[in-house]
Protein backbone atom coordinates (compact mmCIF):
# COMPACT_ATOMS: atom_id res chain seq x y z
CA UNK A 1 81.84 186.15 75.75
CA UNK A 2 81.72 190.08 74.70
CA UNK A 3 79.14 192.13 73.48
CA UNK A 4 81.14 192.78 70.26
CA UNK A 5 81.99 188.25 69.59
CA UNK A 6 80.79 188.02 66.24
CA UNK A 7 77.79 185.20 66.04
CA UNK A 8 79.55 183.19 63.88
CA UNK A 9 81.73 182.76 66.45
CA UNK A 10 79.05 181.75 69.22
CA UNK A 11 77.30 179.18 66.64
CA UNK A 12 80.56 177.65 65.88
CA UNK A 13 81.20 176.64 69.21
CA UNK A 14 77.81 175.52 69.83
CA UNK A 15 78.22 173.28 66.81
CA UNK A 16 80.89 171.94 68.46
CA UNK A 17 79.57 171.09 71.53
CA UNK A 18 76.59 169.59 70.60
CA UNK A 19 79.47 167.20 67.92
CA UNK A 20 81.58 166.60 70.98
CA UNK A 21 78.28 165.74 72.85
CA UNK A 22 77.21 163.36 70.41
CA UNK A 23 80.25 161.78 69.82
CA UNK A 24 81.10 160.80 73.77
CA UNK A 25 76.62 159.39 73.56
CA UNK A 26 77.59 157.40 70.59
CA UNK A 27 81.66 156.04 71.87
CA UNK A 28 79.64 155.03 75.12
CA UNK A 29 77.00 152.96 73.67
CA UNK A 30 78.90 151.52 70.50
CA UNK A 31 81.20 150.19 73.47
CA UNK A 32 78.52 148.82 75.22
CA UNK A 33 76.14 147.49 73.18
CA UNK A 34 78.16 147.00 69.93
CA UNK A 35 78.05 148.83 66.82
CA UNK A 36 75.75 147.84 64.68
CA UNK A 37 73.33 147.25 67.78
CA UNK A 38 73.06 150.97 68.10
CA UNK A 39 71.07 153.46 65.83
CA UNK A 40 71.22 157.06 65.02
CA UNK A 41 68.16 157.28 66.46
CA UNK A 42 68.89 155.59 70.12
CA UNK A 43 71.78 158.17 69.81
CA UNK A 44 69.98 161.15 69.24
CA UNK A 45 67.54 160.45 72.01
CA UNK A 46 70.19 159.91 74.34
CA UNK A 47 72.43 162.97 73.00
CA UNK A 48 68.97 164.72 73.52
CA UNK A 49 68.98 166.25 69.43
CA UNK A 50 67.20 164.99 67.13
CA UNK A 51 68.13 162.38 64.41
CA UNK A 52 68.13 164.75 62.11
CA UNK A 53 70.95 166.89 63.81
CA UNK A 54 73.56 163.79 64.07
CA UNK A 55 72.77 162.98 60.49
CA UNK A 56 73.77 166.82 59.50
CA UNK A 57 76.75 167.00 61.82
CA UNK A 58 77.84 163.50 61.04
CA UNK A 59 76.25 161.88 58.05
CA UNK A 60 76.70 158.42 59.21
CA UNK A 61 77.41 156.59 62.11
CA UNK A 62 81.26 155.70 61.36
CA UNK A 63 82.12 159.24 61.03
CA UNK A 64 81.02 159.86 64.92
CA UNK A 65 83.75 157.87 65.43
CA UNK A 66 86.10 159.56 63.29
CA UNK A 67 85.68 162.98 64.02
CA UNK A 68 87.98 164.90 65.98
CA UNK A 69 88.67 168.77 66.19
CA UNK A 70 91.54 168.61 64.25
CA UNK A 71 90.24 167.35 60.78
CA UNK A 72 89.42 170.40 59.34
CA UNK A 73 92.91 172.34 59.99
CA UNK A 74 95.64 169.43 59.89
CA UNK A 75 96.35 170.21 55.82
CA UNK A 76 96.40 174.15 56.63
CA UNK A 77 99.02 173.29 59.53
CA UNK A 78 101.05 171.51 56.80
CA UNK A 79 101.21 173.82 54.38
CA UNK A 80 102.07 176.89 56.37
CA UNK A 81 105.16 176.04 56.99
CA UNK A 82 105.67 175.64 53.40
CA UNK A 83 107.49 176.56 51.28
CA UNK A 84 110.63 177.63 54.66
CA UNK A 85 110.23 174.07 55.33
CA UNK A 86 110.90 171.01 53.26
CA UNK A 87 107.57 169.28 53.00
CA UNK A 88 108.81 166.16 55.45
CA UNK A 89 109.82 168.96 57.83
CA UNK A 90 105.92 170.84 57.33
CA UNK A 91 104.96 166.98 57.85
CA UNK A 92 106.99 166.24 61.56
CA UNK A 93 106.32 170.14 62.97
CA UNK A 94 102.50 169.60 62.44
CA UNK A 95 101.93 165.77 63.60
CA UNK A 96 104.26 167.55 66.64
CA UNK A 97 102.22 169.88 67.46
CA UNK A 98 98.42 168.69 67.02
CA UNK A 99 99.79 165.58 68.75
CA UNK A 100 100.79 167.35 71.60
CA UNK A 101 97.45 169.04 71.49
CA UNK A 102 95.78 165.84 71.23
CA UNK A 103 97.18 163.12 73.69
CA UNK A 104 97.17 166.58 76.05
CA UNK A 105 93.27 167.19 75.93
CA UNK A 106 92.02 163.51 75.77
CA UNK A 107 94.50 160.52 75.23
CA UNK A 108 91.75 157.94 76.39
CA UNK A 109 88.88 159.47 73.73
CA UNK A 110 91.83 158.97 71.48
CA UNK A 111 92.65 155.38 72.11
CA UNK A 112 88.58 154.36 72.69
CA UNK A 113 88.30 155.70 69.33
CA UNK A 114 91.46 153.44 67.91
CA UNK A 115 90.21 150.72 69.07
CA UNK A 116 86.32 151.19 67.45
CA UNK A 117 88.37 151.48 64.22
CA UNK A 118 90.73 148.87 64.59
CA UNK A 119 87.99 146.23 65.74
CA UNK A 120 84.66 147.67 63.38
CA UNK A 121 84.96 146.99 59.56
CA UNK A 122 82.92 149.18 58.30
CA UNK A 123 84.51 152.09 60.39
CA UNK A 124 88.09 150.77 58.93
CA UNK A 125 86.87 150.99 55.66
CA UNK A 126 85.29 154.52 55.88
CA UNK A 127 89.09 155.54 57.80
CA UNK A 128 90.77 154.31 54.76
CA UNK A 129 88.59 156.08 52.64
CA UNK A 130 89.01 159.31 54.74
CA UNK A 131 92.55 158.14 54.36
CA UNK A 132 92.53 158.50 50.37
CA UNK A 133 90.78 161.62 50.53
CA UNK A 134 93.57 162.96 53.14
CA UNK A 135 96.22 162.21 50.69
CA UNK A 136 94.57 163.76 47.86
CA UNK A 137 94.25 167.07 49.81
CA UNK A 138 97.52 167.29 50.85
CA UNK A 139 98.93 166.79 47.64
CA UNK A 140 97.10 169.26 46.28
CA UNK A 141 98.09 171.32 49.02
CA UNK A 142 102.10 170.68 48.74
CA UNK A 143 101.21 171.01 45.06
CA UNK A 144 99.62 174.62 44.95
CA UNK A 145 102.21 176.09 47.72
CA UNK A 146 104.97 174.72 46.13
CA UNK A 147 103.94 175.67 42.28
CA UNK A 148 103.92 172.32 41.25
CA UNK A 149 101.98 171.07 38.79
CA UNK A 150 98.52 169.16 39.84
CA UNK A 151 99.64 165.39 39.95
CA UNK A 152 102.82 165.73 40.46
CA UNK A 153 105.00 162.57 41.05
CA UNK A 154 106.70 163.55 43.82
CA UNK A 155 104.05 165.04 45.46
CA UNK A 156 101.54 162.16 45.29
CA UNK A 157 103.75 159.82 46.31
CA UNK A 158 105.30 161.63 49.01
CA UNK A 159 101.05 162.87 50.18
CA UNK A 160 100.36 159.19 50.08
CA UNK A 161 102.63 157.05 51.29
CA UNK A 162 103.23 160.14 54.74
CA UNK A 163 99.22 159.47 55.07
CA UNK A 164 99.76 155.75 54.50
CA UNK A 165 102.97 155.42 57.17
CA UNK A 166 101.25 157.94 59.47
CA UNK A 167 98.19 155.26 59.56
CA UNK A 168 100.43 152.05 60.26
CA UNK A 169 101.88 153.85 63.48
CA UNK A 170 98.37 153.82 64.60
CA UNK A 171 97.59 150.42 63.64
CA UNK A 172 100.90 149.71 65.51
CA UNK A 173 100.02 152.13 68.28
CA UNK A 174 96.39 149.71 68.80
CA UNK A 175 98.19 146.35 68.12
CA UNK A 176 100.65 147.42 70.50
CA UNK A 177 98.29 147.32 73.47
CA UNK A 178 98.92 151.39 73.24
CA UNK A 179 102.40 150.97 75.48
CA UNK A 180 104.55 152.73 72.97
CA UNK A 181 103.97 156.40 73.24
CA UNK A 182 102.43 157.52 70.01
CA UNK A 183 104.37 160.16 69.98
CA UNK A 184 107.25 157.90 69.88
CA UNK A 185 105.75 155.92 66.97
CA UNK A 186 105.42 159.17 64.86
CA UNK A 187 108.49 160.02 65.55
CA UNK A 188 109.99 157.10 63.77
CA UNK A 189 107.43 157.27 61.29
CA UNK A 190 109.06 160.87 60.04
CA UNK A 191 112.57 159.74 61.07
CA UNK A 192 111.75 157.00 58.24
CA UNK A 193 111.14 159.75 55.36
CA UNK A 194 114.49 161.17 55.83
CA UNK A 195 115.82 160.35 52.48
CA UNK A 196 112.52 160.34 50.54
CA UNK A 197 110.90 161.15 46.81
CA UNK A 198 113.15 163.90 46.52
CA UNK A 199 111.31 166.03 48.63
CA UNK A 200 113.20 165.62 52.30
CA UNK A 201 115.50 167.46 54.34
């Protein structure tokens, strides 16, 4: 770090490092003892942080499994491609880029998280709510970027369908025993939308 680096940058790195440490501890405990049996207090103790810090960073135990670094940027990574690309092309490019980063950095971690999501009902329910909110956020961003009215039917159909299809692709990855490469599955997901919703290529 240089002397001129802003404090906010250091603070953000510390926050992310703490979240990664807590998530690492939480996943190991969930896998060893079962999700329901592990308390926030135990996670905090093992991660050497206070329970209030765990709640401040994640809010719930479910979010310790669902959280990743790309949550804040994935919508922007799509809308930044607009209006130069169609929504489908923007989604395809964003998926390829983010997925490449994720798989290259830690595919094993992603598999562990997906396994917990699929096998623990409360995490799966939280993931479903997160998918709905993600689709709404994507639709709002696409509407704004393309100067469409809020609630435009084509945009809503596209955003909810694409998020649902991505979720379905992840389900297939899990159900296949993680044999089929995830990037191959996602290529098939986006290919299935080539003629969809009046917004595709």
